[in-house]
C-alpha atoms as a PDB file:
ATOM      1  CA  UNK A   1     107.614 125.228 117.722  1.00  0.00           C
ATOM      2  CA  UNK A   2     107.854 122.534 115.052  1.00  0.00           C
ATOM      3  CA  UNK A   3     106.396 119.115 115.820  1.00  0.00           C
ATOM      4  CA  UNK A   4     107.244 116.030 113.795  1.00  0.00           C
ATOM      5  CA  UNK A   5     104.360 113.574 113.801  1.00  0.00           C
ATOM      6  CA  UNK A   6     104.709 109.926 112.703  1.00  0.00           C
ATOM      7  CA  UNK A   7     102.617 109.036 109.652  1.00  0.00           C
ATOM      8  CA  UNK A   8     104.146 105.589 109.044  1.00  0.00           C
ATOM      9  CA  UNK A   9     106.891 103.459 110.563  1.00  0.00           C
ATOM     10  CA  UNK A  10     109.999 105.643 110.560  1.00  0.00           C
ATOM     11  CA  UNK A  11     108.388 108.463 108.564  1.00  0.00           C
ATOM     12  CA  UNK A  12     107.512 111.742 110.268  1.00  0.00           C
ATOM     13  CA  UNK A  13     105.907 114.907 108.895  1.00  0.00           C
ATOM     14  CA  UNK A  14     105.873 118.448 110.272  1.00  0.00           C
ATOM     15  CA  UNK A  15     103.183 120.812 109.047  1.00  0.00           C
ATOM     16  CA  UNK A  16     104.689 124.243 109.608  1.00  0.00           C
ATOM     17  CA  UNK A  17     103.646 127.875 109.658  1.00  0.00           C
ATOM     18  CA  UNK A  18     103.311 130.570 108.397  1.00  0.00           C
ATOM     19  CA  UNK A  19     102.972 128.997 104.914  1.00  0.00           C
ATOM     20  CA  UNK A  20     101.608 125.558 105.858  1.00  0.00           C
ATOM     21  CA  UNK A  21     104.675 123.847 104.383  1.00  0.00           C
ATOM     22  CA  UNK A  22     105.264 120.148 104.997  1.00  0.00           C
ATOM     23  CA  UNK A  23     108.661 118.738 105.902  1.00  0.00           C
ATOM     24  CA  UNK A  24     109.157 114.963 105.850  1.00  0.00           C
ATOM     25  CA  UNK A  25     111.822 113.010 107.732  1.00  0.00           C
ATOM     26  CA  UNK A  26     112.531 109.398 106.764  1.00  0.00           C
ATOM     27  CA  UNK A  27     114.577 107.373 109.244  1.00  0.00           C
ATOM     28  CA  UNK A  28     116.971 104.654 108.124  1.00  0.00           C
ATOM     29  CA  UNK A  29     119.521 102.695 110.119  1.00  0.00           C
ATOM     30  CA  UNK A  30     122.445 104.854 108.991  1.00  0.00           C
ATOM     31  CA  UNK A  31     121.002 108.238 108.053  1.00  0.00           C
ATOM     32  CA  UNK A  32     117.836 110.321 108.209  1.00  0.00           C
ATOM     33  CA  UNK A  33     116.530 111.868 104.996  1.00  0.00           C
ATOM     34  CA  UNK A  34     115.031 115.354 105.384  1.00  0.00           C
ATOM     35  CA  UNK A  35     112.784 116.355 102.502  1.00  0.00           C
ATOM     36  CA  UNK A  36     112.547 120.165 102.240  1.00  0.00           C
ATOM     37  CA  UNK A  37     114.076 122.646 104.658  1.00  0.00           C
ATOM     38  CA  UNK A  38     111.681 125.623 105.054  1.00  0.00           C
ATOM     39  CA  UNK A  39     112.179 129.312 104.303  1.00  0.00           C
ATOM     40  CA  UNK A  40     114.764 130.826 106.624  1.00  0.00           C
ATOM     41  CA  UNK A  41     117.712 129.904 108.773  1.00  0.00           C
ATOM     42  CA  UNK A  42     115.662 130.521 111.918  1.00  0.00           C
ATOM     43  CA  UNK A  43     112.941 128.144 110.733  1.00  0.00           C
ATOM     44  CA  UNK A  44     115.576 125.576 109.777  1.00  0.00           C
ATOM     45  CA  UNK A  45     117.168 125.758 113.228  1.00  0.00           C
ATOM     46  CA  UNK A  46     113.777 125.079 114.791  1.00  0.00           C
ATOM     47  CA  UNK A  47     113.365 122.184 112.377  1.00  0.00           C
ATOM     48  CA  UNK A  48     116.791 120.825 113.301  1.00  0.00           C
ATOM     49  CA  UNK A  49     115.856 120.953 116.987  1.00  0.00           C
ATOM     50  CA  UNK A  50     112.687 118.992 116.202  1.00  0.00           C
ATOM     51  CA  UNK A  51     114.664 116.410 114.232  1.00  0.00           C
ATOM     52  CA  UNK A  52     117.223 116.025 117.008  1.00  0.00           C
ATOM     53  CA  UNK A  53     114.400 115.373 119.467  1.00  0.00           C
ATOM     54  CA  UNK A  54     113.596 112.160 117.548  1.00  0.00           C
ATOM     55  CA  UNK A  55     116.958 111.039 116.086  1.00  0.00           C
ATOM     56  CA  UNK A  56     120.693 111.614 116.349  1.00  0.00           C
ATOM     57  CA  UNK A  57     121.373 110.106 112.917  1.00  0.00           C
ATOM     58  CA  UNK A  58     123.437 112.071 110.393  1.00  0.00           C
ATOM     59  CA  UNK A  59     121.262 113.880 107.873  1.00  0.00           C
ATOM     60  CA  UNK A  60     120.825 113.669 104.128  1.00  0.00           C
ATOM     61  CA  UNK A  61     118.762 116.432 102.533  1.00  0.00           C
ATOM     62  CA  UNK A  62     116.523 116.452  99.452  1.00  0.00           C
ATOM     63  CA  UNK A  63     114.683 119.492  98.130  1.00  0.00           C
ATOM     64  CA  UNK A  64     111.559 119.073  96.026  1.00  0.00           C
ATOM     65  CA  UNK A  65     112.065 122.327  94.056  1.00  0.00           C
ATOM     66  CA  UNK A  66     113.763 125.726  94.179  1.00  0.00           C
ATOM     67  CA  UNK A  67     111.038 127.863  95.799  1.00  0.00           C
ATOM     68  CA  UNK A  68     112.207 129.522  98.998  1.00  0.00           C
ATOM     69  CA  UNK A  69     109.715 127.843 101.331  1.00  0.00           C
ATOM     70  CA  UNK A  70     111.155 124.445 100.443  1.00  0.00           C
ATOM     71  CA  UNK A  71     114.902 125.076 100.320  1.00  0.00           C
ATOM     72  CA  UNK A  72     116.172 128.340 101.825  1.00  0.00           C
ATOM     73  CA  UNK A  73     116.879 126.598 105.142  1.00  0.00           C
ATOM     74  CA  UNK A  74     119.121 123.959 103.573  1.00  0.00           C
ATOM     75  CA  UNK A  75     122.450 125.433 104.728  1.00  0.00           C
ATOM     76  CA  UNK A  76     121.492 124.869 108.370  1.00  0.00           C
ATOM     77  CA  UNK A  77     120.478 121.229 107.835  1.00  0.00           C
ATOM     78  CA  UNK A  78     123.504 120.491 105.632  1.00  0.00           C
ATOM     79  CA  UNK A  79     126.061 122.019 108.001  1.00  0.00           C
ATOM     80  CA  UNK A  80     129.217 119.954 108.117  1.00  0.00           C
ATOM     81  CA  UNK A  81     129.040 118.969 104.462  1.00  0.00           C
ATOM     82  CA  UNK A  82     125.993 116.723 104.502  1.00  0.00           C
ATOM     83  CA  UNK A  83     124.753 115.704 101.009  1.00  0.00           C
ATOM     84  CA  UNK A  84     121.978 117.723  99.386  1.00  0.00           C
ATOM     85  CA  UNK A  85     119.941 116.153  96.581  1.00  0.00           C
ATOM     86  CA  UNK A  86     117.992 118.131  94.009  1.00  0.00           C
ATOM     87  CA  UNK A  87     117.237 118.531  90.328  1.00  0.00           C
ATOM     88  CA  UNK A  88     119.842 120.299  88.122  1.00  0.00           C
ATOM     89  CA  UNK A  89     117.330 123.085  87.461  1.00  0.00           C
ATOM     90  CA  UNK A  90     117.278 123.825  91.194  1.00  0.00           C
ATOM     91  CA  UNK A  91     121.058 124.089  91.231  1.00  0.00           C
ATOM     92  CA  UNK A  92     120.983 126.431  88.226  1.00  0.00           C
ATOM     93  CA  UNK A  93     118.280 128.720  89.636  1.00  0.00           C
ATOM     94  CA  UNK A  94     119.908 128.935  93.057  1.00  0.00           C
ATOM     95  CA  UNK A  95     123.318 129.622  91.528  1.00  0.00           C
ATOM     96  CA  UNK A  96     122.708 131.856  88.534  1.00  0.00           C
ATOM     97  CA  UNK A  97     119.543 133.646  89.683  1.00  0.00           C
ATOM     98  CA  UNK A  98     119.900 133.621  93.462  1.00  0.00           C
ATOM     99  CA  UNK A  99     119.911 137.413  93.798  1.00  0.00           C
ATOM    100  CA  UNK A 100     116.891 137.730  91.515  1.00  0.00           C
ATOM    101  CA  UNK A 101     114.840 135.284  93.557  1.00  0.00           C
ATOM    102  CA  UNK A 102     115.819 136.662  96.939  1.00  0.00           C
ATOM    103  CA  UNK A 103     114.946 140.189  95.809  1.00  0.00           C
ATOM    104  CA  UNK A 104     111.671 139.148  94.172  1.00  0.00           C
ATOM    105  CA  UNK A 105     110.454 137.098  97.113  1.00  0.00           C
ATOM    106  CA  UNK A 106     111.512 139.761  99.619  1.00  0.00           C
ATOM    107  CA  UNK A 107     109.413 142.310  97.752  1.00  0.00           C
ATOM    108  CA  UNK A 108     106.453 139.912  97.598  1.00  0.00           C
ATOM    109  CA  UNK A 109     106.431 139.188 101.335  1.00  0.00           C
ATOM    110  CA  UNK A 110     107.808 142.292 103.080  1.00  0.00           C
ATOM    111  CA  UNK A 111     104.368 143.777 103.712  1.00  0.00           C
ATOM    112  CA  UNK A 112     102.427 140.656 104.665  1.00  0.00           C
ATOM    113  CA  UNK A 113     105.223 138.806 106.527  1.00  0.00           C
ATOM    114  CA  UNK A 114     108.100 141.216 107.300  1.00  0.00           C
ATOM    115  CA  UNK A 115     109.933 138.734 109.553  1.00  0.00           C
ATOM    116  CA  UNK A 116     109.780 136.101 106.840  1.00  0.00           C
ATOM    117  CA  UNK A 117     110.944 138.582 104.196  1.00  0.00           C
ATOM    118  CA  UNK A 118     113.940 139.603 106.316  1.00  0.00           C
ATOM    119  CA  UNK A 119     114.857 135.946 106.740  1.00  0.00           C
ATOM    120  CA  UNK A 120     114.657 135.366 102.989  1.00  0.00           C
ATOM    121  CA  UNK A 121     116.978 138.279 102.288  1.00  0.00           C
ATOM    122  CA  UNK A 122     119.490 137.083 104.880  1.00  0.00           C
ATOM    123  CA  UNK A 123     119.445 133.363 104.030  1.00  0.00           C
ATOM    124  CA  UNK A 124     122.644 131.606 102.996  1.00  0.00           C
ATOM    125  CA  UNK A 125     121.636 129.659  99.899  1.00  0.00           C
ATOM    126  CA  UNK A 126     122.875 126.073  99.766  1.00  0.00           C
ATOM    127  CA  UNK A 127     122.896 124.578  96.263  1.00  0.00           C
ATOM    128  CA  UNK A 128     122.268 120.824  95.783  1.00  0.00           C
ATOM    129  CA  UNK A 129     125.513 118.921  95.222  1.00  0.00           C
ATOM    130  CA  UNK A 130     123.900 115.588  94.271  1.00  0.00           C
ATOM    131  CA  UNK A 131     121.799 116.007  91.135  1.00  0.00           C
ATOM    132  CA  UNK A 132     118.810 113.915  90.044  1.00  0.00           C
ATOM    133  CA  UNK A 133     117.990 114.298  86.353  1.00  0.00           C
ATOM    134  CA  UNK A 134     115.516 111.419  86.172  1.00  0.00           C
ATOM    135  CA  UNK A 135     115.649 109.189  89.242  1.00  0.00           C
ATOM    136  CA  UNK A 136     117.986 108.071  91.993  1.00  0.00           C
ATOM    137  CA  UNK A 137     117.632 105.589  94.831  1.00  0.00           C
ATOM    138  CA  UNK A 138     119.064 106.547  98.224  1.00  0.00           C
ATOM    139  CA  UNK A 139     120.166 103.874 100.678  1.00  0.00           C
ATOM    140  CA  UNK A 140     119.466 105.128 104.199  1.00  0.00           C
ATOM    141  CA  UNK A 141     120.548 101.845 105.754  1.00  0.00           C
ATOM    142  CA  UNK A 142     117.912  99.128 105.820  1.00  0.00           C
ATOM    143  CA  UNK A 143     115.566 101.358 103.804  1.00  0.00           C
ATOM    144  CA  UNK A 144     115.564 102.826 100.309  1.00  0.00           C
ATOM    145  CA  UNK A 145     113.952 106.036  99.082  1.00  0.00           C
ATOM    146  CA  UNK A 146     113.563 106.795  95.383  1.00  0.00           C
ATOM    147  CA  UNK A 147     113.778 110.383  94.154  1.00  0.00           C
ATOM    148  CA  UNK A 148     112.091 110.960  90.781  1.00  0.00           C
ATOM    149  CA  UNK A 149     111.813 113.939  88.456  1.00  0.00           C
ATOM    150  CA  UNK A 150     108.327 113.490  86.977  1.00  0.00           C
ATOM    151  CA  UNK A 151     108.739 116.124  84.270  1.00  0.00           C
ATOM    152  CA  UNK A 152     108.029 119.836  84.232  1.00  0.00           C
ATOM    153  CA  UNK A 153     105.017 120.663  86.375  1.00  0.00           C
ATOM    154  CA  UNK A 154     104.952 123.097  89.301  1.00  0.00           C
ATOM    155  CA  UNK A 155     108.472 124.094  88.208  1.00  0.00           C
ATOM    156  CA  UNK A 156     110.982 122.752  85.712  1.00  0.00           C
ATOM    157  CA  UNK A 157     112.847 120.932  88.475  1.00  0.00           C
ATOM    158  CA  UNK A 158     110.348 119.119  90.703  1.00  0.00           C
ATOM    159  CA  UNK A 159     111.292 115.963  92.601  1.00  0.00           C
ATOM    160  CA  UNK A 160     108.996 113.483  94.299  1.00  0.00           C
ATOM    161  CA  UNK A 161     110.156 110.934  96.885  1.00  0.00           C
ATOM    162  CA  UNK A 162     108.796 107.415  97.344  1.00  0.00           C
ATOM    163  CA  UNK A 163     109.298 105.309 100.483  1.00  0.00           C
ATOM    164  CA  UNK A 164     108.087 101.943  99.187  1.00  0.00           C
ATOM    165  CA  UNK A 165     108.352  99.831 102.342  1.00  0.00           C
ATOM    166  CA  UNK A 166     105.655 101.927 104.061  1.00  0.00           C
ATOM    167  CA  UNK A 167     103.842 103.156 100.913  1.00  0.00           C
ATOM    168  CA  UNK A 168     104.456 106.880 101.467  1.00  0.00           C
ATOM    169  CA  UNK A 169     104.908 109.340  98.605  1.00  0.00           C
ATOM    170  CA  UNK A 170     106.216 112.877  99.169  1.00  0.00           C
ATOM    171  CA  UNK A 171     104.867 114.926  96.277  1.00  0.00           C
ATOM    172  CA  UNK A 172     106.181 118.437  96.947  1.00  0.00           C
ATOM    173  CA  UNK A 173     104.078 121.120  95.284  1.00  0.00           C
ATOM    174  CA  UNK A 174     103.072 118.736  92.509  1.00  0.00           C
ATOM    175  CA  UNK A 175     100.090 118.215  94.818  1.00  0.00           C
ATOM    176  CA  UNK A 176      98.466 120.977  96.890  1.00  0.00           C
ATOM    177  CA  UNK A 177      95.943 120.640  99.709  1.00  0.00           C
ATOM    178  CA  UNK A 178      94.238 123.578 101.342  1.00  0.00           C
ATOM    179  CA  UNK A 179      94.751 125.881  98.381  1.00  0.00           C
ATOM    180  CA  UNK A 180      94.946 125.845  94.584  1.00  0.00           C
ATOM    181  CA  UNK A 181      98.099 124.884  92.679  1.00  0.00           C
ATOM    182  CA  UNK A 182     100.661 127.653  92.219  1.00  0.00           C
ATOM    183  CA  UNK A 183     101.326 128.318  88.520  1.00  0.00           C
ATOM    184  CA  UNK A 184     103.740 131.253  88.914  1.00  0.00           C
ATOM    185  CA  UNK A 185     106.700 129.205  87.594  1.00  0.00           C
ATOM    186  CA  UNK A 186     104.685 126.266  86.287  1.00  0.00           C
ATOM    187  CA  UNK A 187     104.099 124.399  83.038  1.00  0.00           C
ATOM    188  CA  UNK A 188     100.308 123.950  82.971  1.00  0.00           C
ATOM    189  CA  UNK A 189     100.339 122.051  79.666  1.00  0.00           C
ATOM    190  CA  UNK A 190     102.827 119.516  81.042  1.00  0.00           C
ATOM    191  CA  UNK A 191     101.723 119.234  84.668  1.00  0.00           C
ATOM    192  CA  UNK A 192      98.985 116.617  84.071  1.00  0.00           C
ATOM    193  CA  UNK A 193     101.403 114.286  82.291  1.00  0.00           C
ATOM    194  CA  UNK A 194     104.004 114.748  85.033  1.00  0.00           C
ATOM    195  CA  UNK A 195     101.435 113.581  87.532  1.00  0.00           C
ATOM    196  CA  UNK A 196     101.146 110.318  85.597  1.00  0.00           C
ATOM    197  CA  UNK A 197     104.558 109.354  87.003  1.00  0.00           C
ATOM    198  CA  UNK A 198     103.193 109.990  90.457  1.00  0.00           C
ATOM    199  CA  UNK A 199     100.313 107.614  89.680  1.00  0.00           C
ATOM    200  CA  UNK A 200     102.846 105.004  88.576  1.00  0.00           C
ATOM    201  CA  UNK A 201     104.257 105.000  92.125  1.00  0.00           C
ATOM    202  CA  UNK A 202     101.017 105.319  94.095  1.00  0.00           C
ATOM    203  CA  UNK A 203      98.362 102.758  94.977  1.00  0.00           C
ATOM    204  CA  UNK A 204      94.918 103.214  96.498  1.00  0.00           C
ATOM    205  CA  UNK A 205      96.457 102.892  99.974  1.00  0.00           C
ATOM    206  CA  UNK A 206      99.417 105.250  99.463  1.00  0.00           C
ATOM    207  CA  UNK A 207      99.810 108.138 101.898  1.00  0.00           C
ATOM    208  CA  UNK A 208     100.691 111.228  99.875  1.00  0.00           C
ATOM    209  CA  UNK A 209     102.384 114.196 101.520  1.00  0.00           C
ATOM    210  CA  UNK A 210     101.621 117.384  99.555  1.00  0.00           C
ATOM    211  CA  UNK A 211     103.882 120.408  99.558  1.00  0.00           C
ATOM    212  CA  UNK A 212     101.339 122.290 101.670  1.00  0.00           C
ATOM    213  CA  UNK A 213      98.392 121.174 103.780  1.00  0.00           C
ATOM    214  CA  UNK A 214      97.067 117.904 105.112  1.00  0.00           C
ATOM    215  CA  UNK A 215      98.181 114.456 103.993  1.00  0.00           C
ATOM    216  CA  UNK A 216      95.990 113.139 101.181  1.00  0.00           C
ATOM    217  CA  UNK A 217      95.218 109.896  99.381  1.00  0.00           C
ATOM    218  CA  UNK A 218      95.182 108.699  95.781  1.00  0.00           C
ATOM    219  CA  UNK A 219      91.547 109.729  95.342  1.00  0.00           C
ATOM    220  CA  UNK A 220      92.408 113.349  96.192  1.00  0.00           C
ATOM    221  CA  UNK A 221      95.325 113.318  93.760  1.00  0.00           C
ATOM    222  CA  UNK A 222      93.162 111.804  91.034  1.00  0.00           C
ATOM    223  CA  UNK A 223      90.639 114.631  91.475  1.00  0.00           C
ATOM    224  CA  UNK A 224      93.369 117.280  91.315  1.00  0.00           C
ATOM    225  CA  UNK A 225      94.806 115.634  88.220  1.00  0.00           C
ATOM    226  CA  UNK A 226      91.374 115.848  86.574  1.00  0.00           C
ATOM    227  CA  UNK A 227      91.273 119.586  87.318  1.00  0.00           C
ATOM    228  CA  UNK A 228      94.750 120.106  85.878  1.00  0.00           C
ATOM    229  CA  UNK A 229      93.862 118.095  82.766  1.00  0.00           C
ATOM    230  CA  UNK A 230      90.666 120.106  82.274  1.00  0.00           C
ATOM    231  CA  UNK A 231      92.657 123.331  82.536  1.00  0.00           C
ATOM    232  CA  UNK A 232      95.230 121.999  80.067  1.00  0.00           C
ATOM    233  CA  UNK A 233      92.577 121.341  77.416  1.00  0.00           C
ATOM    234  CA  UNK A 234      90.781 124.601  78.153  1.00  0.00           C
ATOM    235  CA  UNK A 235      94.022 126.438  77.386  1.00  0.00           C
ATOM    236  CA  UNK A 236      94.761 124.440  74.223  1.00  0.00           C
ATOM    237  CA  UNK A 237      91.281 124.785  72.742  1.00  0.00           C
ATOM    238  CA  UNK A 238      91.015 128.412  73.822  1.00  0.00           C
ATOM    239  CA  UNK A 239      94.314 129.281  72.160  1.00  0.00           C
ATOM    240  CA  UNK A 240      93.223 127.514  68.973  1.00  0.00           C
ATOM    241  CA  UNK A 241      89.907 129.386  68.942  1.00  0.00           C
ATOM    242  CA  UNK A 242      91.394 132.805  69.677  1.00  0.00           C
ATOM    243  CA  UNK A 243      89.837 133.146  73.143  1.00  0.00           C
ATOM    244  CA  UNK A 244      91.165 135.763  75.557  1.00  0.00           C
ATOM    245  CA  UNK A 245      93.045 134.957  78.731  1.00  0.00           C
ATOM    246  CA  UNK A 246      90.306 136.667  80.741  1.00  0.00           C
ATOM    247  CA  UNK A 247      87.482 134.623  79.222  1.00  0.00           C
ATOM    248  CA  UNK A 248      89.262 131.339  79.895  1.00  0.00           C
ATOM    249  CA  UNK A 249      90.309 132.350  83.409  1.00  0.00           C
ATOM    250  CA  UNK A 250      86.647 132.782  84.320  1.00  0.00           C
ATOM    251  CA  UNK A 251      85.892 129.228  83.156  1.00  0.00           C
ATOM    252  CA  UNK A 252      88.794 127.297  84.668  1.00  0.00           C
ATOM    253  CA  UNK A 253      88.611 124.853  87.598  1.00  0.00           C
ATOM    254  CA  UNK A 254      90.541 127.015  90.058  1.00  0.00           C
ATOM    255  CA  UNK A 255      90.039 130.573  91.383  1.00  0.00           C
ATOM    256  CA  UNK A 256      90.072 133.170  88.603  1.00  0.00           C
ATOM    257  CA  UNK A 257      93.421 134.649  89.625  1.00  0.00           C
ATOM    258  CA  UNK A 258      95.027 131.201  89.655  1.00  0.00           C
ATOM    259  CA  UNK A 259      93.488 130.301  86.291  1.00  0.00           C
ATOM    260  CA  UNK A 260      94.700 133.611  84.849  1.00  0.00           C
ATOM    261  CA  UNK A 261      98.324 132.839  85.674  1.00  0.00           C
ATOM    262  CA  UNK A 262      98.006 129.319  84.254  1.00  0.00           C
ATOM    263  CA  UNK A 263      96.344 130.457  81.032  1.00  0.00           C
ATOM    264  CA  UNK A 264      98.918 133.214  80.524  1.00  0.00           C
ATOM    265  CA  UNK A 265     101.786 130.753  80.885  1.00  0.00           C
ATOM    266  CA  UNK A 266      99.998 128.160  78.746  1.00  0.00           C
ATOM    267  CA  UNK A 267      99.426 130.680  75.952  1.00  0.00           C
ATOM    268  CA  UNK A 268     103.100 131.649  76.107  1.00  0.00           C
ATOM    269  CA  UNK A 269     104.132 128.011  75.759  1.00  0.00           C
ATOM    270  CA  UNK A 270     101.822 127.499  72.769  1.00  0.00           C
ATOM    271  CA  UNK A 271     103.303 130.625  71.192  1.00  0.00           C
ATOM    272  CA  UNK A 272     106.773 129.139  71.557  1.00  0.00           C
ATOM    273  CA  UNK A 273     108.004 131.369  74.365  1.00  0.00           C
END
């Protein structure tokens, strides 16, 4: 069962299992904005039931990035032709490489979460039809929400959402709580700078909804930014000095396996790949 809990006036968040993904619902006078749609059609139907328990408003959908746990349920929420907002990179990945991603993620999860894996393989993939290259402001009726692409970070197509009237910022996987950042499709040398745009929108009192885990504040985000910046420079200096991936991974701010992925991708970027 999915439970939407109010975190500010007209803003509700559901912290869902099995992957501890956050979904945010922002209520306006005319429409409700749903930010991220979970992994499978079954999860999305449960989410829709939860939304309908708090509002009958028509829905607008925004997805923070193309990873399955944030967008594979979109078709259920967008049924009837509701608008779906996302970055052009998300549209490209979900159109041109849909089969690749469904196959890859099925293989990754079939042993640990077979029900989830089956849902990923069976999901109808809904591609965003309203594209945000830099920023866009949505009018929900009596309330505005700004969607911003902060630059390449967790993926090449991240979006963050700002609800200024209640000082809430939905960060997607640009910010992680309860676990280290995921660098599998990331740009570790660009992620710290992308987070600067997040800082431009946040104040000391801003509630920040991460992609996974508990709601955090600006102090938490500042600390995670410092870790990402330290990793960035570790990669740059290590590449310059001819260090190995393994030696740098053991010195980074995150678990060794996480650092290893980041350093590998950072070295590839510095080599021009």
